[in-house]
N, C-alpha and C. Protein backbone atom coordinates (compact mmCIF):
# COMPACT_ATOMS: atom_id res chain seq x y z
N MET A 1 -163.12 82.65 57.59
CA MET A 1 -163.80 83.74 57.14
C MET A 1 -163.64 83.59 55.32
N ILE A 2 -162.75 82.95 55.37
CA ILE A 2 -161.93 83.27 53.99
C ILE A 2 -163.34 82.12 53.05
N LYS A 3 -163.25 80.90 53.38
CA LYS A 3 -164.71 80.38 52.81
C LYS A 3 -165.53 80.97 52.37
N HIS A 4 -165.67 81.88 53.40
CA HIS A 4 -167.37 82.66 52.93
C HIS A 4 -167.25 83.44 51.79
N LEU A 5 -165.94 84.26 51.93
CA LEU A 5 -165.79 85.31 50.88
C LEU A 5 -166.28 85.41 49.96
N ILE A 6 -166.39 84.55 48.86
CA ILE A 6 -166.86 84.03 47.37
C ILE A 6 -168.28 83.76 47.80
N PRO A 7 -169.08 83.20 48.07
CA PRO A 7 -170.46 83.03 48.19
C PRO A 7 -170.93 84.48 48.82
N LEU A 8 -170.05 84.94 49.51
CA LEU A 8 -170.92 86.20 50.41
C LEU A 8 -170.88 87.46 48.94
N THR A 9 -169.33 87.37 48.49
CA THR A 9 -169.23 88.10 47.48
C THR A 9 -170.70 88.13 46.04
N LEU A 10 -170.19 86.29 46.01
CA LEU A 10 -171.83 86.02 44.91
C LEU A 10 -173.53 86.71 45.04
N ILE A 11 -173.12 86.75 46.70
CA ILE A 11 -175.02 86.97 47.38
C ILE A 11 -175.15 88.42 46.75
N ALA A 12 -173.69 89.41 47.11
CA ALA A 12 -174.06 90.80 47.56
C ALA A 12 -174.02 91.40 45.62
N VAL A 13 -173.54 90.67 45.13
CA VAL A 13 -173.50 90.94 43.72
C VAL A 13 -175.21 90.94 43.10
N LEU A 14 -175.65 89.88 43.23
CA LEU A 14 -176.96 88.61 43.05
C LEU A 14 -178.00 89.59 43.44
N ALA A 15 -177.79 89.58 45.05
CA ALA A 15 -179.06 90.29 45.18
C ALA A 15 -178.96 92.05 46.35
N GLY A 16 -177.97 92.00 46.78
CA GLY A 16 -178.24 92.89 47.70
C GLY A 16 -177.70 94.43 46.43
N CYS A 17 -177.33 94.73 45.20
CA CYS A 17 -177.28 96.06 44.21
C CYS A 17 -178.35 96.07 44.46
N ALA A 18 -178.27 97.58 43.90
CA ALA A 18 -179.83 98.19 43.49
C ALA A 18 -180.07 98.03 42.02
N GLY A 19 -179.13 98.08 41.13
CA GLY A 19 -179.27 97.72 40.05
C GLY A 19 -179.67 96.33 39.45
N VAL A 20 -179.59 94.91 40.53
CA VAL A 20 -179.74 94.12 39.85
C VAL A 20 -181.13 93.92 39.44
N GLN A 21 -181.63 93.31 38.83
CA GLN A 21 -182.92 93.01 38.21
C GLN A 21 -182.59 91.32 37.46
N GLN A 22 -183.60 90.31 38.74
CA GLN A 22 -183.55 89.02 37.95
C GLN A 22 -184.73 88.61 37.63
N SER A 23 -185.33 87.83 36.60
CA SER A 23 -186.54 87.67 35.28
C SER A 23 -186.18 86.28 34.80
N THR A 24 -187.51 85.07 35.45
CA THR A 24 -187.27 83.88 35.19
C THR A 24 -188.13 84.00 33.83
N GLU A 25 -188.34 85.06 32.86
CA GLU A 25 -188.64 85.19 31.90
C GLU A 25 -188.36 84.44 30.81
N ARG A 26 -188.79 83.86 29.86
CA ARG A 26 -187.42 83.30 28.70
C ARG A 26 -187.62 83.48 27.56
N ARG A 27 -186.53 83.72 26.57
CA ARG A 27 -186.40 84.45 25.11
C ARG A 27 -186.41 83.72 24.47
N THR A 28 -186.68 83.83 22.87
CA THR A 28 -186.12 83.17 21.66
C THR A 28 -185.04 81.93 22.29
N ILE A 29 -184.91 80.60 21.54
CA ILE A 29 -184.02 79.91 21.54
C ILE A 29 -182.76 80.30 20.91
N THR A 30 -181.27 80.37 21.04
CA THR A 30 -180.44 80.36 20.54
C THR A 30 -179.29 79.48 20.68
N HIS A 31 -178.77 79.41 19.63
CA HIS A 31 -177.50 78.71 19.53
C HIS A 31 -175.84 78.89 20.57
N TYR A 32 -175.71 78.28 21.21
CA TYR A 32 -174.71 78.83 22.61
C TYR A 32 -173.76 77.23 22.53
N GLY A 33 -172.65 77.48 21.78
CA GLY A 33 -171.71 76.40 22.76
C GLY A 33 -172.24 75.29 21.22
N GLY A 34 -172.89 75.13 20.29
CA GLY A 34 -173.16 74.16 19.48
C GLY A 34 -174.34 73.71 19.78
N MET A 35 -175.38 73.95 20.51
CA MET A 35 -176.32 73.63 21.57
C MET A 35 -177.39 74.70 21.54
N SER A 36 -179.06 74.19 21.33
CA SER A 36 -179.54 75.10 21.70
C SER A 36 -180.10 74.99 22.83
N ILE A 37 -180.63 76.22 23.13
CA ILE A 37 -180.93 76.31 25.12
C ILE A 37 -181.98 77.66 24.73
N GLN A 38 -182.83 77.71 26.23
CA GLN A 38 -183.82 78.31 25.97
C GLN A 38 -183.22 79.86 26.78
N LYS A 39 -183.03 81.01 26.09
CA LYS A 39 -182.06 81.82 26.95
C LYS A 39 -182.84 82.74 28.15
N PRO A 40 -182.52 83.08 29.36
CA PRO A 40 -183.00 83.73 30.14
C PRO A 40 -183.34 85.51 30.07
N ALA A 41 -184.46 86.09 30.24
CA ALA A 41 -184.44 87.39 29.94
C ALA A 41 -183.07 87.72 30.59
N PRO A 42 -182.28 89.17 29.46
CA PRO A 42 -181.00 89.83 30.44
C PRO A 42 -181.07 90.17 31.71
N VAL A 43 -180.00 90.05 32.64
CA VAL A 43 -179.74 90.40 33.98
C VAL A 43 -179.41 91.47 34.08
N SER A 44 -179.84 92.72 34.51
CA SER A 44 -179.68 93.71 34.56
C SER A 44 -178.75 94.32 35.47
N MET A 45 -177.06 95.14 35.22
CA MET A 45 -176.59 94.99 36.18
C MET A 45 -175.60 96.66 36.01
N SER A 46 -175.92 97.22 36.46
CA SER A 46 -174.91 98.56 35.96
C SER A 46 -173.59 98.68 36.22
N SER A 47 -172.38 99.21 35.50
CA SER A 47 -170.67 99.02 36.31
C SER A 47 -171.00 99.44 37.63
N ARG A 48 -171.78 100.71 37.74
CA ARG A 48 -171.62 101.35 38.87
C ARG A 48 -171.47 100.20 40.00
N ASN A 49 -172.83 99.71 39.70
CA ASN A 49 -172.94 98.29 41.20
C ASN A 49 -171.37 97.36 41.35
N VAL A 50 -171.42 96.85 40.24
CA VAL A 50 -170.35 95.89 40.24
C VAL A 50 -169.31 96.41 40.42
N GLU A 51 -168.54 97.51 39.89
CA GLU A 51 -167.36 97.70 40.92
C GLU A 51 -167.57 97.94 42.40
N SER A 52 -168.67 98.62 42.63
CA SER A 52 -168.80 98.47 44.33
C SER A 52 -168.54 96.91 45.16
N VAL A 53 -168.74 96.18 44.46
CA VAL A 53 -168.25 94.82 45.40
C VAL A 53 -167.04 94.60 44.86
N VAL A 54 -165.92 94.78 45.76
CA VAL A 54 -164.86 93.90 45.98
C VAL A 54 -164.65 93.50 46.92
N ALA A 55 -163.87 92.38 47.36
CA ALA A 55 -163.56 91.37 47.99
C ALA A 55 -162.43 91.82 49.01
N PRO A 56 -162.74 92.49 50.13
CA PRO A 56 -161.56 92.51 50.86
C PRO A 56 -160.54 92.54 50.77
N GLY A 57 -159.68 93.09 51.23
CA GLY A 57 -158.28 92.69 50.90
C GLY A 57 -157.57 92.05 49.40
N SER A 58 -158.74 92.25 48.70
CA SER A 58 -158.02 91.29 47.37
C SER A 58 -157.30 93.00 46.47
N VAL A 59 -156.06 91.53 46.13
CA VAL A 59 -155.34 92.58 45.01
C VAL A 59 -155.91 92.04 43.45
N ARG A 60 -156.27 91.07 43.12
CA ARG A 60 -156.60 90.93 41.56
C ARG A 60 -158.13 92.08 41.21
N GLY A 61 -158.67 92.80 42.27
CA GLY A 61 -160.04 93.22 41.59
C GLY A 61 -160.66 93.34 41.95
N THR A 62 -162.02 93.57 41.19
CA THR A 62 -163.12 93.09 41.65
C THR A 62 -163.76 91.87 41.05
N GLN A 63 -164.41 91.14 41.73
CA GLN A 63 -164.84 90.05 41.07
C GLN A 63 -166.34 89.96 40.24
N LEU A 64 -166.75 90.10 39.09
CA LEU A 64 -167.31 89.98 38.15
C LEU A 64 -168.39 88.61 38.52
N GLY A 65 -167.53 87.54 38.57
CA GLY A 65 -168.85 86.06 38.73
C GLY A 65 -168.04 85.37 38.84
N ILE A 66 -169.23 84.21 38.47
CA ILE A 66 -168.36 82.57 38.70
C ILE A 66 -169.50 82.21 38.69
N VAL A 67 -168.19 80.76 37.67
CA VAL A 67 -169.36 79.80 36.48
C VAL A 67 -169.05 78.71 37.22
N TYR A 68 -170.01 77.53 37.35
CA TYR A 68 -169.93 76.59 38.51
C TYR A 68 -169.44 75.40 37.14
N PHE A 69 -169.22 74.35 37.19
CA PHE A 69 -168.87 73.42 36.51
C PHE A 69 -169.40 72.15 36.76
N ASP A 70 -170.04 71.01 36.38
CA ASP A 70 -169.77 69.86 36.62
C ASP A 70 -168.53 68.64 37.06
N PHE A 71 -168.92 67.75 37.19
CA PHE A 71 -167.53 66.65 37.86
C PHE A 71 -166.67 66.18 36.04
N ASP A 72 -165.54 67.44 36.46
CA ASP A 72 -165.11 66.27 35.27
C ASP A 72 -165.43 67.58 33.99
N GLU A 73 -166.19 68.66 33.68
CA GLU A 73 -166.59 69.35 32.34
C GLU A 73 -166.13 70.30 32.75
N TYR A 74 -166.04 70.94 31.27
CA TYR A 74 -165.63 72.36 31.11
C TYR A 74 -166.90 73.09 30.00
N VAL A 75 -167.79 72.76 29.84
CA VAL A 75 -168.76 73.10 28.93
C VAL A 75 -169.79 74.56 29.95
N VAL A 76 -169.43 75.46 29.60
CA VAL A 76 -170.37 76.55 30.46
C VAL A 76 -171.67 76.62 30.05
N LYS A 77 -172.13 75.59 31.16
CA LYS A 77 -174.03 75.67 31.09
C LYS A 77 -174.99 77.07 30.94
N PRO A 78 -176.06 76.46 30.21
CA PRO A 78 -177.26 77.75 30.27
C PRO A 78 -177.57 78.87 31.20
N GLN A 79 -177.18 78.32 32.29
CA GLN A 79 -177.66 78.98 33.54
C GLN A 79 -176.57 80.27 33.75
N TYR A 80 -175.54 80.02 33.14
CA TYR A 80 -174.18 80.93 33.60
C TYR A 80 -174.59 81.86 32.15
N VAL A 81 -175.16 81.93 31.43
CA VAL A 81 -175.18 82.98 29.67
C VAL A 81 -175.30 84.54 30.94
N PRO A 82 -176.12 85.35 31.50
CA PRO A 82 -176.09 85.85 31.80
C PRO A 82 -175.16 86.19 32.65
N VAL A 83 -174.58 85.49 33.32
CA VAL A 83 -173.08 86.16 33.86
C VAL A 83 -171.96 86.26 32.63
N LEU A 84 -171.96 85.84 31.50
CA LEU A 84 -171.36 86.45 30.25
C LEU A 84 -171.63 87.64 30.59
N GLU A 85 -173.17 87.79 29.57
CA GLU A 85 -173.48 88.64 28.95
C GLU A 85 -173.45 89.71 29.98
N ASN A 86 -173.58 89.87 31.71
CA ASN A 86 -172.98 91.08 31.78
C ASN A 86 -171.76 91.46 31.98
N VAL A 87 -170.77 90.27 32.07
CA VAL A 87 -169.52 90.91 31.90
C VAL A 87 -169.15 91.32 30.33
N THR A 88 -169.87 90.97 29.14
CA THR A 88 -169.77 91.44 28.55
C THR A 88 -170.14 93.15 28.19
N ARG A 89 -171.46 93.28 28.48
CA ARG A 89 -171.70 94.53 28.69
C ARG A 89 -170.67 95.77 29.60
N LEU A 90 -170.22 95.28 30.47
CA LEU A 90 -169.04 95.84 31.13
C LEU A 90 -167.96 96.22 30.73
N LEU A 91 -167.53 94.83 29.75
CA LEU A 91 -166.26 95.39 29.05
C LEU A 91 -166.43 96.34 27.53
N LYS A 92 -167.41 95.92 27.42
CA LYS A 92 -167.82 96.92 25.99
C LYS A 92 -167.78 98.63 26.76
N ASP A 93 -168.79 98.36 27.39
CA ASP A 93 -168.84 100.08 27.97
C ASP A 93 -167.38 100.64 28.43
N LYS A 94 -166.58 99.67 28.70
CA LYS A 94 -165.22 99.92 29.42
C LYS A 94 -164.02 99.33 28.86
N PRO A 95 -163.57 99.93 27.52
CA PRO A 95 -162.57 98.84 26.57
C PRO A 95 -161.23 99.13 27.07
N GLY A 96 -160.98 99.75 27.68
CA GLY A 96 -159.79 99.77 28.78
C GLY A 96 -159.69 98.13 29.18
N MET A 97 -160.58 97.84 30.30
CA MET A 97 -160.64 97.23 31.08
C MET A 97 -160.25 95.81 30.71
N LYS A 98 -160.06 94.72 31.61
CA LYS A 98 -159.41 93.37 31.07
C LYS A 98 -159.91 92.72 32.51
N VAL A 99 -160.21 91.38 31.77
CA VAL A 99 -160.41 90.62 32.89
C VAL A 99 -159.74 89.37 32.86
N THR A 100 -159.29 88.65 34.04
CA THR A 100 -158.56 87.46 34.88
C THR A 100 -159.51 85.99 34.72
N LEU A 101 -159.37 85.11 33.82
CA LEU A 101 -160.23 84.41 34.36
C LEU A 101 -159.47 83.03 34.80
N GLU A 102 -159.89 82.96 35.80
CA GLU A 102 -159.39 81.52 36.66
C GLU A 102 -159.97 80.37 36.78
N GLY A 103 -159.51 79.31 36.52
CA GLY A 103 -160.03 78.48 36.32
C GLY A 103 -160.13 77.53 37.73
N HIS A 104 -160.84 76.67 38.30
CA HIS A 104 -160.63 76.23 39.50
C HIS A 104 -160.99 74.75 39.39
N THR A 105 -160.30 73.51 40.14
CA THR A 105 -161.42 72.09 40.22
C THR A 105 -161.27 71.67 41.50
N ASP A 106 -161.91 70.88 41.63
CA ASP A 106 -161.87 70.12 42.95
C ASP A 106 -160.46 68.99 43.42
N ALA A 107 -160.78 68.57 44.02
CA ALA A 107 -159.26 67.76 44.33
C ALA A 107 -159.20 66.47 44.03
N ALA A 108 -160.21 66.26 43.27
CA ALA A 108 -160.15 64.73 42.59
C ALA A 108 -159.23 65.01 41.44
N GLY A 109 -158.39 63.89 41.57
CA GLY A 109 -157.69 64.03 40.23
C GLY A 109 -156.14 64.33 40.57
N SER A 110 -154.93 64.18 39.34
CA SER A 110 -153.48 64.75 39.64
C SER A 110 -153.32 66.11 39.51
N THR A 111 -152.12 66.56 40.34
CA THR A 111 -152.30 68.24 39.79
C THR A 111 -152.33 68.63 38.44
N GLU A 112 -151.41 67.64 37.88
CA GLU A 112 -151.27 67.87 36.09
C GLU A 112 -152.36 68.13 35.32
N TYR A 113 -153.58 66.84 35.96
CA TYR A 113 -154.87 66.61 35.07
C TYR A 113 -155.29 67.87 35.84
N ASN A 114 -155.24 68.30 36.86
CA ASN A 114 -156.57 69.42 37.41
C ASN A 114 -155.85 71.20 37.35
N LEU A 115 -154.99 70.74 36.35
CA LEU A 115 -154.23 72.53 35.80
C LEU A 115 -154.92 72.04 34.61
N ALA A 116 -154.76 71.32 33.78
CA ALA A 116 -155.22 71.45 32.65
C ALA A 116 -156.85 71.68 32.72
N LEU A 117 -157.64 70.98 33.61
CA LEU A 117 -158.61 71.12 33.30
C LEU A 117 -159.47 72.87 34.19
N GLY A 118 -158.21 72.96 34.56
CA GLY A 118 -158.91 74.28 35.06
C GLY A 118 -158.59 75.25 34.34
N GLN A 119 -157.11 75.05 33.32
CA GLN A 119 -157.48 75.53 31.49
C GLN A 119 -158.39 75.59 30.84
N ARG A 120 -159.05 74.54 31.08
CA ARG A 120 -160.16 74.85 29.93
C ARG A 120 -161.55 75.05 30.39
N ARG A 121 -161.66 75.19 31.85
CA ARG A 121 -163.11 75.92 32.43
C ARG A 121 -162.45 77.42 31.81
N ALA A 122 -161.23 78.09 32.35
CA ALA A 122 -161.23 79.37 31.79
C ALA A 122 -161.27 79.80 30.16
N GLU A 123 -160.68 78.90 29.89
CA GLU A 123 -160.83 79.17 27.80
C GLU A 123 -162.35 79.21 28.01
N ALA A 124 -163.09 77.98 28.42
CA ALA A 124 -164.59 77.87 27.68
C ALA A 124 -164.82 79.02 28.48
N VAL A 125 -164.81 79.44 29.33
CA VAL A 125 -165.12 80.88 29.89
C VAL A 125 -164.67 82.22 28.75
N ARG A 126 -163.35 82.46 28.61
CA ARG A 126 -163.44 83.41 27.91
C ARG A 126 -164.07 82.93 26.09
N GLN A 127 -164.09 82.15 26.00
CA GLN A 127 -164.37 81.43 24.84
C GLN A 127 -166.27 82.35 24.56
N GLY A 128 -166.84 81.76 25.66
CA GLY A 128 -168.17 82.32 25.83
C GLY A 128 -168.22 83.49 25.62
N LEU A 129 -167.04 84.60 26.44
CA LEU A 129 -167.23 86.01 26.36
C LEU A 129 -167.16 86.29 24.52
N ALA A 130 -165.60 85.96 24.08
CA ALA A 130 -165.53 86.10 22.54
C ALA A 130 -166.78 86.32 22.21
N ARG A 131 -167.59 84.83 21.84
CA ARG A 131 -168.61 84.83 21.05
C ARG A 131 -169.98 86.38 21.67
N TYR A 132 -169.92 86.69 22.56
CA TYR A 132 -170.60 87.87 22.64
C TYR A 132 -169.72 89.22 22.43
N GLY A 133 -168.39 89.14 22.13
CA GLY A 133 -167.82 90.15 21.10
C GLY A 133 -167.21 90.62 22.07
N VAL A 134 -166.34 89.26 22.98
CA VAL A 134 -165.31 90.99 23.98
C VAL A 134 -163.98 90.00 23.14
N SER A 135 -163.15 91.04 23.07
CA SER A 135 -161.29 90.93 22.46
C SER A 135 -160.97 89.86 23.30
N GLN A 136 -160.75 89.12 22.65
CA GLN A 136 -159.46 88.24 23.32
C GLN A 136 -158.53 88.62 24.28
N ALA A 137 -157.81 89.86 23.85
CA ALA A 137 -157.00 90.95 24.32
C ALA A 137 -157.11 91.17 25.94
N GLN A 138 -159.29 90.64 26.31
CA GLN A 138 -159.85 91.95 27.41
C GLN A 138 -159.64 89.99 28.47
N ALA A 139 -159.31 89.23 27.51
CA ALA A 139 -159.79 88.29 28.72
C ALA A 139 -158.02 87.50 28.81
N GLU A 140 -157.62 87.30 30.13
CA GLU A 140 -156.69 85.99 30.26
C GLU A 140 -157.12 85.36 31.08
N ALA A 141 -156.68 83.88 30.32
CA ALA A 141 -157.52 82.54 31.15
C ALA A 141 -155.91 81.86 31.46
N ILE A 142 -156.37 81.52 33.16
CA ILE A 142 -155.24 81.00 34.16
C ILE A 142 -155.90 79.77 34.56
N SER A 143 -155.18 78.98 35.29
CA SER A 143 -155.32 77.85 35.80
C SER A 143 -154.85 77.48 37.42
N PHE A 144 -155.72 77.48 38.49
CA PHE A 144 -155.03 77.00 39.39
C PHE A 144 -155.28 75.82 39.73
N GLY A 145 -155.82 74.98 39.12
CA GLY A 145 -156.62 73.92 39.44
C GLY A 145 -156.74 73.46 40.71
N GLU A 146 -156.14 72.55 41.75
CA GLU A 146 -156.51 72.45 43.05
C GLU A 146 -156.78 73.65 44.52
N GLU A 147 -155.50 74.06 43.55
CA GLU A 147 -154.60 74.70 44.42
C GLU A 147 -155.13 76.23 45.41
N LYS A 148 -156.77 76.44 44.84
CA LYS A 148 -156.82 77.55 46.05
C LYS A 148 -158.53 77.64 45.42
N PRO A 149 -158.92 76.60 46.25
CA PRO A 149 -160.35 76.35 47.31
C PRO A 149 -160.86 77.07 47.43
N ALA A 150 -162.43 77.44 46.64
CA ALA A 150 -163.31 77.89 47.44
C ALA A 150 -163.65 77.64 48.96
N LEU A 151 -163.85 76.58 49.00
CA LEU A 151 -164.40 75.60 50.47
C LEU A 151 -163.27 74.57 51.07
N PRO A 152 -162.45 74.59 52.08
CA PRO A 152 -162.06 73.57 51.98
C PRO A 152 -162.44 72.16 52.47
N GLY A 153 -161.85 70.79 52.78
CA GLY A 153 -162.13 69.87 52.70
C GLY A 153 -163.31 68.76 51.61
N ARG A 154 -163.43 67.99 51.57
CA ARG A 154 -164.31 67.05 50.20
C ARG A 154 -165.16 66.91 51.02
N SER A 155 -166.70 66.98 50.09
CA SER A 155 -167.69 66.57 49.82
C SER A 155 -168.39 66.73 48.96
N ASP A 156 -169.80 66.34 48.49
CA ASP A 156 -169.87 66.79 47.26
C ASP A 156 -170.41 68.38 47.14
N GLU A 157 -170.69 68.48 47.94
CA GLU A 157 -171.55 70.01 48.27
C GLU A 157 -170.21 70.99 48.35
N VAL A 158 -168.88 70.52 48.83
CA VAL A 158 -167.45 71.51 49.03
C VAL A 158 -166.73 71.15 47.29
N ASP A 159 -166.94 69.97 47.09
CA ASP A 159 -166.21 69.71 45.61
C ASP A 159 -167.08 70.40 44.37
N ALA A 160 -168.23 70.70 44.20
CA ALA A 160 -169.06 71.62 43.87
C ALA A 160 -168.75 72.76 44.01
N ARG A 161 -168.77 73.22 44.90
CA ARG A 161 -168.46 74.86 44.88
C ARG A 161 -166.92 75.38 44.27
N ASN A 162 -166.06 74.40 44.46
CA ASN A 162 -164.47 74.24 43.95
C ASN A 162 -164.69 73.76 42.85
N ARG A 163 -165.44 73.47 42.03
CA ARG A 163 -165.40 73.15 40.33
C ARG A 163 -165.77 74.82 39.53
N ARG A 164 -164.77 75.96 39.37
CA ARG A 164 -165.33 76.73 38.98
C ARG A 164 -164.31 77.73 38.45
N ALA A 165 -164.87 78.48 37.34
CA ALA A 165 -164.02 79.27 36.94
C ALA A 165 -164.49 81.27 37.64
N GLU A 166 -163.86 82.14 38.09
CA GLU A 166 -164.00 82.76 38.75
C GLU A 166 -163.59 84.42 37.64
N ILE A 167 -164.26 85.58 37.27
CA ILE A 167 -163.73 86.19 36.91
C ILE A 167 -163.69 87.67 37.44
N TRP A 168 -162.36 87.86 37.52
CA TRP A 168 -161.79 89.56 38.02
C TRP A 168 -161.44 90.68 37.12
N THR A 169 -161.59 91.56 37.71
CA THR A 169 -161.25 91.98 36.75
C THR A 169 -159.65 92.33 37.09
N THR A 170 -159.01 92.67 35.83
CA THR A 170 -156.95 92.85 36.03
C THR A 170 -157.18 94.28 36.91
N PRO A 171 -156.51 94.62 38.07
CA PRO A 171 -156.09 95.75 38.61
C PRO A 171 -155.28 96.64 37.59
């Protein structure tokens, strides 16, 4: 049950909310993190719809998004720019709101290494939000390393789902 919670929450946010509109249209090339990328058209998500998706039994608040990372990497990929933009819009609409950015890793590597990598992933998302104007005071970056996997076990697919940073509202 728990292992399906995050994918189901993400699916509900991306597919089930009436305020979500996805587009494959491309806009101008933008510099992000020191590299040039094509930026997808903005994805619209109202605050009301984001707040309506709460993980059952969650004490963390509402999950606003997930950013996945490649093996041993902590660079936010261009495909996750819309996640940062959506969170930015919400935080600008609600300046008193705060988010917690949880960095996670797969089980490869030592506990110490994974805690440091998880922190770098959370900080990369924090810096990405800051580029869009989110105050550093609104976003706290923490690491869980390999301690809170999204999925149990080890396989390429499982490891890929565990290499992530989750964005949660702070209750």
